[in-house]
Amino acid sequence: MLTASSDLTVWQALAQFVSYAVLAVFTENIVFSRALGVSRLLKLVSDKDVRTWQFCLPVILVQLLSAPLAWLARTRILIPLAGVLPGWLPVQALRPLTYVGCSLLAMAAVWALLAVLPQRDAYREQLPLATANCCVLGTLLICANQNYTLLQTVAFSLGSGVGYLFAVVVVEEGRRRLRSKDIPIIFKGLPSSLIYMGILSLALYALLGRA
């Protein structure tokens, strides 16, 4: 039976999980705040053959499953390893390779999980590109640099994947509205999309009081 103190601990953990996930979706959005995954995002919104969910769902799943692996690698392997490495090889230099390995393991697990979906071939086709998206590795490096706990790392990684989906939906809607005839032809397409994303990023920074 749970006591009042344990209930409070559970609720505190839940509140922290939600807060870090929301932080990653909006205020620390991987696209608008970090400019990661922008090139793939722009190609995705203009590609009529690939649906948003076919790319973003693998991104979210890889982010979620690679988060605990990266945390374990950082706390159980990289930190102890720092004491035995020579001075010319800092442990930070091994982080990218370690986290790429974690992402590949997560990709293998997601490949198996996607078998339950009716259109699994379409999702699996996008899985390698989703895993190689720099937002995945960037999120793991951000969590490591901030020294997040396991709970915070998982929450932030989940929120980061959902935040990428949020950015794609927002840019898709903006791209649709930017087809107006009032826009000069020189700004149509990529230029207007980049300007639109830049304005969104500035607006986000202003709301956070960073401007």
N, C-alpha and C. Protein backbone atom coordinates (compact mmCIF):
# COMPACT_ATOMS: atom_id res chain seq x y z
N MET A 1 0.85 -1.20 0.00
CA MET A 1 0.00 0.00 0.00
C MET A 1 0.88 1.24 0.00
N LEU A 2 0.56 2.20 -0.86
CA LEU A 2 1.36 3.41 -0.96
C LEU A 2 1.08 4.33 0.21
N THR A 3 2.13 4.92 0.74
CA THR A 3 1.98 5.90 1.80
C THR A 3 1.86 7.29 1.18
N ALA A 4 1.61 8.28 2.04
CA ALA A 4 1.47 9.65 1.55
C ALA A 4 2.78 10.15 0.96
N SER A 5 3.90 9.76 1.60
CA SER A 5 5.20 10.22 1.11
C SER A 5 5.53 9.59 -0.24
N SER A 6 5.20 8.30 -0.41
CA SER A 6 5.47 7.67 -1.69
C SER A 6 4.56 8.20 -2.78
N ASP A 7 3.30 8.52 -2.40
CA ASP A 7 2.39 9.15 -3.36
C ASP A 7 2.96 10.48 -3.83
N LEU A 8 3.49 11.24 -2.90
CA LEU A 8 4.07 12.52 -3.25
C LEU A 8 5.26 12.34 -4.17
N THR A 9 6.08 11.32 -3.92
CA THR A 9 7.23 11.06 -4.77
C THR A 9 6.79 10.68 -6.18
N VAL A 10 5.76 9.86 -6.28
CA VAL A 10 5.25 9.46 -7.59
C VAL A 10 4.72 10.67 -8.34
N TRP A 11 3.94 11.51 -7.65
CA TRP A 11 3.38 12.68 -8.31
C TRP A 11 4.47 13.67 -8.70
N GLN A 12 5.49 13.79 -7.87
CA GLN A 12 6.60 14.67 -8.22
C GLN A 12 7.33 14.16 -9.46
N ALA A 13 7.54 12.84 -9.52
CA ALA A 13 8.19 12.26 -10.69
C ALA A 13 7.35 12.46 -11.94
N LEU A 14 6.03 12.26 -11.81
CA LEU A 14 5.14 12.45 -12.95
C LEU A 14 5.15 13.90 -13.41
N ALA A 15 5.10 14.83 -12.45
CA ALA A 15 5.12 16.25 -12.79
C ALA A 15 6.43 16.63 -13.47
N GLN A 16 7.54 16.07 -12.98
CA GLN A 16 8.83 16.36 -13.60
C GLN A 16 8.90 15.78 -15.01
N PHE A 17 8.38 14.58 -15.19
CA PHE A 17 8.38 13.97 -16.52
C PHE A 17 7.59 14.82 -17.51
N VAL A 18 6.39 15.24 -17.11
CA VAL A 18 5.56 16.04 -17.99
C VAL A 18 6.20 17.39 -18.29
N SER A 19 6.79 18.00 -17.27
CA SER A 19 7.39 19.33 -17.45
C SER A 19 8.57 19.28 -18.41
N TYR A 20 9.41 18.24 -18.31
CA TYR A 20 10.56 18.14 -19.22
C TYR A 20 10.11 17.78 -20.63
N ALA A 21 9.06 16.99 -20.74
CA ALA A 21 8.54 16.66 -22.07
C ALA A 21 7.95 17.90 -22.74
N VAL A 22 7.17 18.66 -22.00
CA VAL A 22 6.60 19.90 -22.55
C VAL A 22 7.70 20.90 -22.87
N LEU A 23 8.72 20.95 -22.03
CA LEU A 23 9.86 21.83 -22.29
C LEU A 23 10.49 21.51 -23.64
N ALA A 24 10.65 20.22 -23.94
CA ALA A 24 11.27 19.81 -25.19
C ALA A 24 10.36 20.05 -26.39
N VAL A 25 9.06 19.99 -26.19
CA VAL A 25 8.12 20.19 -27.30
C VAL A 25 8.07 21.65 -27.72
N PHE A 26 8.03 22.55 -26.75
CA PHE A 26 7.77 23.96 -27.05
C PHE A 26 8.99 24.85 -26.81
N THR A 27 9.35 25.06 -25.56
CA THR A 27 10.37 26.06 -25.26
C THR A 27 11.76 25.66 -25.73
N GLU A 28 12.06 24.37 -25.76
CA GLU A 28 13.36 23.89 -26.23
C GLU A 28 13.18 23.01 -27.47
N ASN A 29 12.27 23.45 -28.34
CA ASN A 29 11.98 22.67 -29.54
C ASN A 29 13.26 22.44 -30.35
N ILE A 30 13.47 21.20 -30.75
CA ILE A 30 14.72 20.80 -31.40
C ILE A 30 14.93 21.52 -32.72
N VAL A 31 13.84 21.94 -33.38
CA VAL A 31 13.94 22.64 -34.66
C VAL A 31 14.04 24.14 -34.45
N PHE A 32 13.10 24.71 -33.71
CA PHE A 32 13.02 26.16 -33.58
C PHE A 32 14.06 26.74 -32.63
N SER A 33 14.49 25.97 -31.64
CA SER A 33 15.48 26.47 -30.70
C SER A 33 16.90 26.02 -31.02
N ARG A 34 17.05 24.83 -31.63
CA ARG A 34 18.38 24.27 -31.89
C ARG A 34 18.71 24.17 -33.37
N ALA A 35 17.72 24.37 -34.24
CA ALA A 35 17.92 24.28 -35.69
C ALA A 35 18.47 22.93 -36.12
N LEU A 36 18.04 21.87 -35.46
CA LEU A 36 18.46 20.51 -35.81
C LEU A 36 17.36 19.82 -36.61
N GLY A 37 17.75 19.11 -37.64
CA GLY A 37 16.79 18.40 -38.47
C GLY A 37 16.02 19.27 -39.44
N VAL A 38 16.52 20.49 -39.68
CA VAL A 38 15.79 21.43 -40.54
C VAL A 38 15.79 20.96 -42.00
N SER A 39 16.94 20.50 -42.48
CA SER A 39 17.03 20.13 -43.90
C SER A 39 16.07 18.99 -44.23
N ARG A 40 16.01 17.98 -43.37
CA ARG A 40 15.09 16.86 -43.60
C ARG A 40 13.64 17.31 -43.46
N LEU A 41 13.39 18.21 -42.53
CA LEU A 41 12.03 18.72 -42.33
C LEU A 41 11.53 19.42 -43.60
N LEU A 42 12.36 20.28 -44.18
CA LEU A 42 11.97 21.00 -45.38
C LEU A 42 11.71 20.07 -46.55
N LYS A 43 12.51 19.01 -46.64
CA LYS A 43 12.30 18.04 -47.71
C LYS A 43 11.03 17.23 -47.45
N LEU A 44 10.75 16.97 -46.18
CA LEU A 44 9.58 16.16 -45.83
C LEU A 44 8.28 16.88 -46.17
N VAL A 45 8.21 18.17 -45.85
CA VAL A 45 6.96 18.90 -46.07
C VAL A 45 6.67 19.10 -47.56
N SER A 46 7.69 18.99 -48.40
CA SER A 46 7.47 19.16 -49.84
C SER A 46 7.38 17.82 -50.58
N ASP A 47 7.58 16.72 -49.85
CA ASP A 47 7.54 15.38 -50.46
C ASP A 47 6.13 14.82 -50.35
N LYS A 48 5.46 14.67 -51.46
CA LYS A 48 4.09 14.18 -51.46
C LYS A 48 4.01 12.66 -51.31
N ASP A 49 5.13 11.98 -51.49
CA ASP A 49 5.13 10.52 -51.41
C ASP A 49 5.31 9.99 -49.99
N VAL A 50 5.75 10.84 -49.07
CA VAL A 50 5.99 10.43 -47.69
C VAL A 50 5.06 11.22 -46.77
N ARG A 51 4.25 10.51 -46.01
CA ARG A 51 3.38 11.17 -45.05
C ARG A 51 4.15 11.54 -43.79
N THR A 52 3.62 12.54 -43.11
CA THR A 52 4.30 13.05 -41.91
C THR A 52 4.53 11.95 -40.88
N TRP A 53 3.48 11.15 -40.61
CA TRP A 53 3.59 10.11 -39.59
C TRP A 53 4.58 9.01 -39.98
N GLN A 54 4.73 8.78 -41.27
CA GLN A 54 5.64 7.72 -41.71
C GLN A 54 7.09 8.03 -41.35
N PHE A 55 7.42 9.31 -41.22
CA PHE A 55 8.77 9.68 -40.83
C PHE A 55 8.86 10.03 -39.35
N CYS A 56 7.85 10.74 -38.84
CA CYS A 56 7.94 11.25 -37.47
C CYS A 56 7.72 10.18 -36.41
N LEU A 57 6.89 9.17 -36.70
CA LEU A 57 6.71 8.10 -35.73
C LEU A 57 8.01 7.34 -35.47
N PRO A 58 8.78 6.94 -36.50
CA PRO A 58 10.09 6.34 -36.22
C PRO A 58 11.02 7.26 -35.45
N VAL A 59 10.97 8.56 -35.74
CA VAL A 59 11.81 9.51 -34.99
C VAL A 59 11.46 9.47 -33.52
N ILE A 60 10.16 9.53 -33.21
CA ILE A 60 9.72 9.53 -31.80
C ILE A 60 10.12 8.23 -31.11
N LEU A 61 9.93 7.10 -31.77
CA LEU A 61 10.25 5.81 -31.15
C LEU A 61 11.77 5.65 -30.94
N VAL A 62 12.56 6.04 -31.93
CA VAL A 62 14.01 5.95 -31.79
C VAL A 62 14.49 6.87 -30.68
N GLN A 63 13.94 8.08 -30.61
CA GLN A 63 14.29 9.01 -29.54
C GLN A 63 13.98 8.39 -28.17
N LEU A 64 12.79 7.81 -28.06
CA LEU A 64 12.35 7.28 -26.77
C LEU A 64 13.19 6.08 -26.34
N LEU A 65 13.50 5.17 -27.25
CA LEU A 65 14.22 3.95 -26.89
C LEU A 65 15.72 4.19 -26.74
N SER A 66 16.26 5.14 -27.46
CA SER A 66 17.70 5.41 -27.34
C SER A 66 18.03 6.20 -26.08
N ALA A 67 17.06 6.89 -25.50
CA ALA A 67 17.31 7.73 -24.32
C ALA A 67 17.85 6.93 -23.13
N PRO A 68 17.17 5.85 -22.69
CA PRO A 68 17.72 5.10 -21.54
C PRO A 68 19.05 4.41 -21.87
N LEU A 69 19.23 3.99 -23.13
CA LEU A 69 20.50 3.38 -23.52
C LEU A 69 21.64 4.39 -23.42
N ALA A 70 21.37 5.62 -23.89
CA ALA A 70 22.40 6.66 -23.83
C ALA A 70 22.71 7.05 -22.39
N TRP A 71 21.67 7.09 -21.54
CA TRP A 71 21.90 7.42 -20.13
C TRP A 71 22.74 6.35 -19.45
N LEU A 72 22.44 5.09 -19.71
CA LEU A 72 23.23 4.00 -19.15
C LEU A 72 24.66 4.04 -19.65
N ALA A 73 24.84 4.33 -20.94
CA ALA A 73 26.19 4.42 -21.49
C ALA A 73 26.97 5.56 -20.85
N ARG A 74 26.29 6.67 -20.61
CA ARG A 74 26.98 7.82 -20.02
C ARG A 74 27.36 7.58 -18.57
N THR A 75 26.44 7.01 -17.79
CA THR A 75 26.68 6.87 -16.36
C THR A 75 27.46 5.61 -15.99
N ARG A 76 27.30 4.54 -16.78
CA ARG A 76 27.92 3.26 -16.44
C ARG A 76 29.18 2.96 -17.24
N ILE A 77 29.37 3.66 -18.36
CA ILE A 77 30.53 3.38 -19.21
C ILE A 77 31.43 4.60 -19.35
N LEU A 78 30.88 5.72 -19.82
CA LEU A 78 31.71 6.87 -20.14
C LEU A 78 32.30 7.53 -18.90
N ILE A 79 31.50 7.69 -17.86
CA ILE A 79 32.01 8.34 -16.64
C ILE A 79 33.12 7.50 -15.99
N PRO A 80 32.92 6.19 -15.77
CA PRO A 80 34.05 5.40 -15.24
C PRO A 80 35.24 5.35 -16.18
N LEU A 81 34.97 5.38 -17.50
CA LEU A 81 36.05 5.31 -18.47
C LEU A 81 36.92 6.55 -18.48
N ALA A 82 36.34 7.67 -18.05
CA ALA A 82 37.08 8.93 -18.05
C ALA A 82 38.33 8.86 -17.17
N GLY A 83 38.29 8.04 -16.13
CA GLY A 83 39.43 7.96 -15.22
C GLY A 83 40.59 7.14 -15.74
N VAL A 84 40.38 6.35 -16.78
CA VAL A 84 41.45 5.49 -17.29
C VAL A 84 41.93 5.89 -18.68
N LEU A 85 41.24 6.80 -19.32
CA LEU A 85 41.66 7.23 -20.65
C LEU A 85 42.89 8.13 -20.58
N PRO A 86 43.76 8.09 -21.58
CA PRO A 86 44.92 9.00 -21.60
C PRO A 86 44.47 10.45 -21.75
N GLY A 87 45.33 11.37 -21.39
CA GLY A 87 44.98 12.78 -21.40
C GLY A 87 44.65 13.32 -22.78
N TRP A 88 45.24 12.73 -23.81
CA TRP A 88 45.00 13.23 -25.17
C TRP A 88 43.67 12.75 -25.75
N LEU A 89 42.96 11.87 -25.02
CA LEU A 89 41.68 11.37 -25.49
C LEU A 89 40.60 11.66 -24.45
N PRO A 90 39.96 12.83 -24.52
CA PRO A 90 38.90 13.15 -23.55
C PRO A 90 37.68 12.27 -23.79
N VAL A 91 36.98 11.97 -22.73
CA VAL A 91 35.82 11.09 -22.82
C VAL A 91 34.71 11.71 -23.66
N GLN A 92 34.68 13.06 -23.71
CA GLN A 92 33.65 13.72 -24.52
C GLN A 92 33.77 13.37 -25.99
N ALA A 93 35.00 13.03 -26.42
CA ALA A 93 35.19 12.68 -27.83
C ALA A 93 34.52 11.35 -28.18
N LEU A 94 34.27 10.51 -27.19
CA LEU A 94 33.64 9.22 -27.44
C LEU A 94 32.12 9.27 -27.38
N ARG A 95 31.59 10.39 -26.90
CA ARG A 95 30.14 10.48 -26.76
C ARG A 95 29.40 10.30 -28.09
N PRO A 96 29.77 11.02 -29.15
CA PRO A 96 29.00 10.86 -30.40
C PRO A 96 28.96 9.42 -30.90
N LEU A 97 30.11 8.74 -30.90
CA LEU A 97 30.13 7.35 -31.37
C LEU A 97 29.30 6.45 -30.47
N THR A 98 29.37 6.69 -29.17
CA THR A 98 28.59 5.88 -28.23
C THR A 98 27.10 6.07 -28.45
N TYR A 99 26.68 7.32 -28.64
CA TYR A 99 25.26 7.60 -28.81
C TYR A 99 24.75 7.16 -30.18
N VAL A 100 25.62 7.18 -31.19
CA VAL A 100 25.23 6.62 -32.48
C VAL A 100 24.96 5.13 -32.34
N GLY A 101 25.81 4.44 -31.57
CA GLY A 101 25.59 3.02 -31.31
C GLY A 101 24.27 2.78 -30.58
N CYS A 102 23.94 3.64 -29.61
CA CYS A 102 22.66 3.52 -28.90
C CYS A 102 21.49 3.73 -29.86
N SER A 103 21.63 4.68 -30.78
CA SER A 103 20.57 4.94 -31.75
C SER A 103 20.37 3.75 -32.68
N LEU A 104 21.47 3.10 -33.06
CA LEU A 104 21.37 1.93 -33.93
C LEU A 104 20.68 0.77 -33.21
N LEU A 105 20.98 0.59 -31.94
CA LEU A 105 20.28 -0.44 -31.16
C LEU A 105 18.80 -0.12 -31.05
N ALA A 106 18.49 1.16 -30.83
CA ALA A 106 17.09 1.57 -30.77
C ALA A 106 16.40 1.35 -32.12
N MET A 107 17.13 1.60 -33.21
CA MET A 107 16.56 1.40 -34.54
C MET A 107 16.19 -0.07 -34.75
N ALA A 108 17.05 -0.98 -34.29
CA ALA A 108 16.74 -2.41 -34.42
C ALA A 108 15.48 -2.78 -33.64
N ALA A 109 15.33 -2.19 -32.45
CA ALA A 109 14.13 -2.47 -31.65
C ALA A 109 12.89 -1.88 -32.31
N VAL A 110 13.01 -0.67 -32.85
CA VAL A 110 11.87 -0.04 -33.52
C VAL A 110 11.48 -0.82 -34.77
N TRP A 111 12.47 -1.35 -35.48
CA TRP A 111 12.19 -2.17 -36.66
C TRP A 111 11.26 -3.33 -36.31
N ALA A 112 11.51 -3.95 -35.17
CA ALA A 112 10.66 -5.06 -34.71
C ALA A 112 9.30 -4.55 -34.26
N LEU A 113 9.26 -3.40 -33.58
CA LEU A 113 7.99 -2.87 -33.10
C LEU A 113 7.07 -2.45 -34.23
N LEU A 114 7.65 -1.96 -35.32
CA LEU A 114 6.83 -1.50 -36.44
C LEU A 114 6.10 -2.64 -37.14
N ALA A 115 6.45 -3.88 -36.81
CA ALA A 115 5.78 -5.02 -37.44
C ALA A 115 4.30 -5.08 -37.11
N VAL A 116 3.88 -4.43 -36.03
CA VAL A 116 2.47 -4.47 -35.63
C VAL A 116 1.62 -3.49 -36.43
N LEU A 117 2.24 -2.57 -37.18
CA LEU A 117 1.49 -1.57 -37.93
C LEU A 117 1.05 -2.13 -39.27
N PRO A 118 -0.11 -1.72 -39.76
CA PRO A 118 -0.60 -2.25 -41.04
C PRO A 118 0.27 -1.84 -42.23
N GLN A 119 0.86 -0.66 -42.20
CA GLN A 119 1.70 -0.18 -43.28
C GLN A 119 3.17 -0.15 -42.84
N ARG A 120 3.62 -1.26 -42.27
CA ARG A 120 4.94 -1.30 -41.68
C ARG A 120 6.06 -1.04 -42.69
N ASP A 121 5.87 -1.44 -43.95
CA ASP A 121 6.92 -1.24 -44.95
C ASP A 121 7.19 0.24 -45.19
N ALA A 122 6.13 1.05 -45.19
CA ALA A 122 6.30 2.49 -45.39
C ALA A 122 7.04 3.13 -44.22
N TYR A 123 6.75 2.68 -43.00
CA TYR A 123 7.45 3.20 -41.82
C TYR A 123 8.89 2.72 -41.78
N ARG A 124 9.10 1.46 -42.10
CA ARG A 124 10.46 0.92 -42.07
C ARG A 124 11.34 1.55 -43.13
N GLU A 125 10.75 1.96 -44.24
CA GLU A 125 11.52 2.62 -45.29
C GLU A 125 12.11 3.94 -44.81
N GLN A 126 11.39 4.60 -43.91
CA GLN A 126 11.85 5.89 -43.38
C GLN A 126 12.69 5.74 -42.11
N LEU A 127 12.73 4.55 -41.54
CA LEU A 127 13.43 4.34 -40.28
C LEU A 127 14.92 4.69 -40.32
N PRO A 128 15.69 4.26 -41.34
CA PRO A 128 17.11 4.65 -41.37
C PRO A 128 17.32 6.15 -41.42
N LEU A 129 16.52 6.86 -42.23
CA LEU A 129 16.64 8.31 -42.31
C LEU A 129 16.24 8.96 -40.99
N ALA A 130 15.23 8.40 -40.33
CA ALA A 130 14.81 8.94 -39.03
C ALA A 130 15.90 8.76 -37.99
N THR A 131 16.55 7.61 -38.00
CA THR A 131 17.62 7.34 -37.03
C THR A 131 18.83 8.23 -37.29
N ALA A 132 19.12 8.48 -38.56
CA ALA A 132 20.28 9.30 -38.91
C ALA A 132 19.99 10.79 -38.81
N ASN A 133 18.76 11.17 -38.51
CA ASN A 133 18.43 12.58 -38.35
C ASN A 133 19.23 13.17 -37.20
N CYS A 134 19.80 14.34 -37.42
CA CYS A 134 20.67 14.93 -36.40
C CYS A 134 19.91 15.33 -35.15
N CYS A 135 18.57 15.39 -35.21
CA CYS A 135 17.83 15.72 -34.00
C CYS A 135 17.93 14.59 -32.97
N VAL A 136 18.13 13.35 -33.42
CA VAL A 136 18.26 12.22 -32.50
C VAL A 136 19.56 12.32 -31.71
N LEU A 137 20.67 12.42 -32.43
CA LEU A 137 21.96 12.54 -31.76
C LEU A 137 22.05 13.84 -30.99
N GLY A 138 21.50 14.92 -31.54
CA GLY A 138 21.54 16.21 -30.85
C GLY A 138 20.82 16.17 -29.52
N THR A 139 19.68 15.49 -29.47
CA THR A 139 18.94 15.39 -28.22
C THR A 139 19.72 14.63 -27.16
N LEU A 140 20.35 13.54 -27.56
CA LEU A 140 21.15 12.76 -26.60
C LEU A 140 22.33 13.57 -26.07
N LEU A 141 22.95 14.35 -26.94
CA LEU A 141 24.08 15.19 -26.50
C LEU A 141 23.61 16.30 -25.57
N ILE A 142 22.42 16.86 -25.85
CA ILE A 142 21.88 17.90 -24.96
C ILE A 142 21.63 17.32 -23.57
N CYS A 143 21.03 16.15 -23.51
CA CYS A 143 20.76 15.51 -22.22
C CYS A 143 22.05 15.23 -21.46
N ALA A 144 23.09 14.82 -22.19
CA ALA A 144 24.37 14.54 -21.55
C ALA A 144 25.02 15.83 -21.03
N ASN A 145 24.98 16.87 -21.84
CA ASN A 145 25.59 18.14 -21.44
C ASN A 145 24.88 18.76 -20.24
N GLN A 146 23.57 18.52 -20.14
CA GLN A 146 22.79 19.05 -19.02
C GLN A 146 22.79 18.13 -17.80
N ASN A 147 23.45 16.97 -17.93
CA ASN A 147 23.52 15.99 -16.83
C ASN A 147 22.12 15.60 -16.32
N TYR A 148 21.22 15.33 -17.25
CA TYR A 148 19.87 14.93 -16.87
C TYR A 148 19.88 13.55 -16.23
N THR A 149 18.93 13.34 -15.33
CA THR A 149 18.72 12.03 -14.76
C THR A 149 18.05 11.13 -15.79
N LEU A 150 17.87 9.86 -15.43
CA LEU A 150 17.22 8.92 -16.35
C LEU A 150 15.80 9.39 -16.69
N LEU A 151 15.05 9.78 -15.67
CA LEU A 151 13.68 10.25 -15.89
C LEU A 151 13.66 11.49 -16.78
N GLN A 152 14.54 12.43 -16.50
CA GLN A 152 14.60 13.66 -17.28
C GLN A 152 15.04 13.38 -18.71
N THR A 153 15.99 12.45 -18.88
CA THR A 153 16.47 12.11 -20.22
C THR A 153 15.38 11.49 -21.07
N VAL A 154 14.63 10.55 -20.49
CA VAL A 154 13.55 9.90 -21.24
C VAL A 154 12.46 10.91 -21.57
N ALA A 155 12.09 11.75 -20.60
CA ALA A 155 11.04 12.74 -20.83
C ALA A 155 11.46 13.75 -21.90
N PHE A 156 12.68 14.24 -21.81
CA PHE A 156 13.15 15.24 -22.78
C PHE A 156 13.27 14.62 -24.17
N SER A 157 13.71 13.38 -24.26
CA SER A 157 13.84 12.72 -25.56
C SER A 157 12.48 12.46 -26.19
N LEU A 158 11.51 12.02 -25.38
CA LEU A 158 10.16 11.85 -25.90
C LEU A 158 9.58 13.18 -26.37
N GLY A 159 9.75 14.21 -25.56
CA GLY A 159 9.27 15.53 -25.94
C GLY A 159 9.97 16.07 -27.17
N SER A 160 11.24 15.75 -27.32
CA SER A 160 11.99 16.20 -28.48
C SER A 160 11.44 15.58 -29.76
N GLY A 161 11.12 14.27 -29.71
CA GLY A 161 10.52 13.61 -30.87
C GLY A 161 9.16 14.18 -31.20
N VAL A 162 8.33 14.39 -30.17
CA VAL A 162 7.01 14.99 -30.39
C VAL A 162 7.17 16.43 -30.89
N GLY A 163 8.19 17.13 -30.37
CA GLY A 163 8.45 18.49 -30.82
C GLY A 163 8.83 18.56 -32.27
N TYR A 164 9.54 17.54 -32.75
CA TYR A 164 9.88 17.50 -34.18
C TYR A 164 8.60 17.33 -35.01
N LEU A 165 7.70 16.47 -34.55
CA LEU A 165 6.41 16.31 -35.23
C LEU A 165 5.64 17.63 -35.21
N PHE A 166 5.64 18.31 -34.07
CA PHE A 166 4.97 19.60 -33.95
C PHE A 166 5.55 20.61 -34.94
N ALA A 167 6.87 20.64 -35.09
CA ALA A 167 7.51 21.56 -36.02
C ALA A 167 7.12 21.24 -37.46
N VAL A 168 7.07 19.95 -37.79
CA VAL A 168 6.69 19.55 -39.15
C VAL A 168 5.26 20.00 -39.45
N VAL A 169 4.34 19.79 -38.52
CA VAL A 169 2.94 20.17 -38.73
C VAL A 169 2.82 21.69 -38.89
N VAL A 170 3.54 22.44 -38.06
CA VAL A 170 3.47 23.90 -38.13
C VAL A 170 4.04 24.40 -39.46
N VAL A 171 5.16 23.84 -39.88
CA VAL A 171 5.78 24.27 -41.13
C VAL A 171 4.92 23.86 -42.32
N GLU A 172 4.30 22.69 -42.26
CA GLU A 172 3.40 22.27 -43.33
C GLU A 172 2.23 23.22 -43.49
N GLU A 173 1.64 23.62 -42.38
CA GLU A 173 0.52 24.57 -42.43
C GLU A 173 0.99 25.92 -42.95
N GLY A 174 2.16 26.36 -42.49
CA GLY A 174 2.70 27.62 -42.99
C GLY A 174 3.02 27.55 -44.47
N ARG A 175 3.55 26.41 -44.91
CA ARG A 175 3.87 26.24 -46.33
C ARG A 175 2.60 26.32 -47.17
N ARG A 176 1.51 25.77 -46.65
CA ARG A 176 0.24 25.83 -47.39
C ARG A 176 -0.26 27.27 -47.52
N ARG A 177 -0.13 28.03 -46.44
CA ARG A 177 -0.60 29.41 -46.46
C ARG A 177 0.33 30.32 -47.25
N LEU A 178 1.59 29.92 -47.40
CA LEU A 178 2.55 30.75 -48.13
C LEU A 178 2.45 30.59 -49.64
N ARG A 179 1.46 29.84 -50.09
CA ARG A 179 1.24 29.70 -51.53
C ARG A 179 0.39 30.84 -52.10
N SER A 180 0.14 31.86 -51.31
CA SER A 180 -0.68 32.99 -51.73
C SER A 180 -0.05 33.70 -52.93
N LYS A 181 -0.90 34.21 -53.80
CA LYS A 181 -0.43 34.92 -54.97
C LYS A 181 0.19 36.27 -54.63
N ASP A 182 -0.07 36.73 -53.38
CA ASP A 182 0.48 38.02 -52.96
C ASP A 182 1.97 37.96 -52.67
N ILE A 183 2.51 36.75 -52.49
CA ILE A 183 3.93 36.59 -52.19
C ILE A 183 4.73 36.71 -53.50
N PRO A 184 5.75 37.55 -53.53
CA PRO A 184 6.58 37.67 -54.74
C PRO A 184 7.17 36.32 -55.12
N ILE A 185 7.29 36.07 -56.40
CA ILE A 185 7.74 34.77 -56.88
C ILE A 185 9.15 34.43 -56.39
N ILE A 186 9.98 35.45 -56.16
CA ILE A 186 11.35 35.20 -55.72
C ILE A 186 11.39 34.62 -54.31
N PHE A 187 10.33 34.84 -53.52
CA PHE A 187 10.30 34.35 -52.14
C PHE A 187 9.53 33.05 -51.99
N LYS A 188 8.90 32.58 -53.05
CA LYS A 188 8.11 31.36 -52.94
C LYS A 188 9.00 30.13 -52.78
N GLY A 189 8.46 29.12 -52.09
CA GLY A 189 9.21 27.89 -51.90
C GLY A 189 10.12 27.95 -50.69
N LEU A 190 11.38 27.57 -50.89
CA LEU A 190 12.35 27.50 -49.80
C LEU A 190 12.59 28.83 -49.10
N PRO A 191 12.79 29.96 -49.82
CA PRO A 191 13.04 31.23 -49.11
C PRO A 191 11.93 31.60 -48.13
N SER A 192 10.67 31.49 -48.58
CA SER A 192 9.57 31.85 -47.69
C SER A 192 9.48 30.89 -46.50
N SER A 193 9.79 29.61 -46.71
CA SER A 193 9.76 28.64 -45.60
C SER A 193 10.82 28.96 -44.56
N LEU A 194 12.02 29.32 -45.01
CA LEU A 194 13.09 29.66 -44.07
C LEU A 194 12.77 30.94 -43.30
N ILE A 195 12.21 31.93 -43.99
CA ILE A 195 11.82 33.17 -43.32
C ILE A 195 10.73 32.89 -42.29
N TYR A 196 9.77 32.05 -42.67
CA TYR A 196 8.68 31.68 -41.77
C TYR A 196 9.21 30.99 -40.52
N MET A 197 10.13 30.04 -40.69
CA MET A 197 10.70 29.33 -39.55
C MET A 197 11.52 30.27 -38.69
N GLY A 198 12.23 31.20 -39.32
CA GLY A 198 13.00 32.18 -38.56
C GLY A 198 12.13 33.07 -37.70
N ILE A 199 10.99 33.50 -38.25
CA ILE A 199 10.06 34.34 -37.49
C ILE A 199 9.48 33.55 -36.32
N LEU A 200 9.14 32.28 -36.55
CA LEU A 200 8.63 31.44 -35.46
C LEU A 200 9.66 31.29 -34.35
N SER A 201 10.92 31.10 -34.73
CA SER A 201 11.99 30.95 -33.73
C SER A 201 12.16 32.23 -32.93
N LEU A 202 12.13 33.38 -33.61
CA LEU A 202 12.26 34.66 -32.91
C LEU A 202 11.07 34.89 -31.98
N ALA A 203 9.87 34.51 -32.45
CA ALA A 203 8.69 34.67 -31.60
C ALA A 203 8.80 33.79 -30.36
N LEU A 204 9.31 32.59 -30.53
CA LEU A 204 9.48 31.68 -29.40
C LEU A 204 10.48 32.25 -28.40
N TYR A 205 11.59 32.76 -28.90
CA TYR A 205 12.59 33.36 -28.01
C TYR A 205 12.02 34.58 -27.29
N ALA A 206 11.19 35.37 -27.97
CA ALA A 206 10.60 36.55 -27.34
C ALA A 206 9.65 36.14 -26.22
N LEU A 207 8.85 35.07 -26.46
CA LEU A 207 7.94 34.60 -25.42
C LEU A 207 8.69 34.11 -24.18
N LEU A 208 9.90 33.58 -24.40
CA LEU A 208 10.69 33.08 -23.28
C LEU A 208 11.51 34.16 -22.61
N GLY A 209 11.42 35.39 -23.13
CA GLY A 209 12.16 36.49 -22.55
C GLY A 209 13.62 36.51 -22.92
N ARG A 210 14.00 35.84 -24.01
CA ARG A 210 15.40 35.79 -24.41
C ARG A 210 15.78 36.87 -25.41
N ALA A 211 14.77 37.53 -25.97
CA ALA A 211 15.06 38.54 -26.98
C ALA A 211 15.54 39.83 -26.34
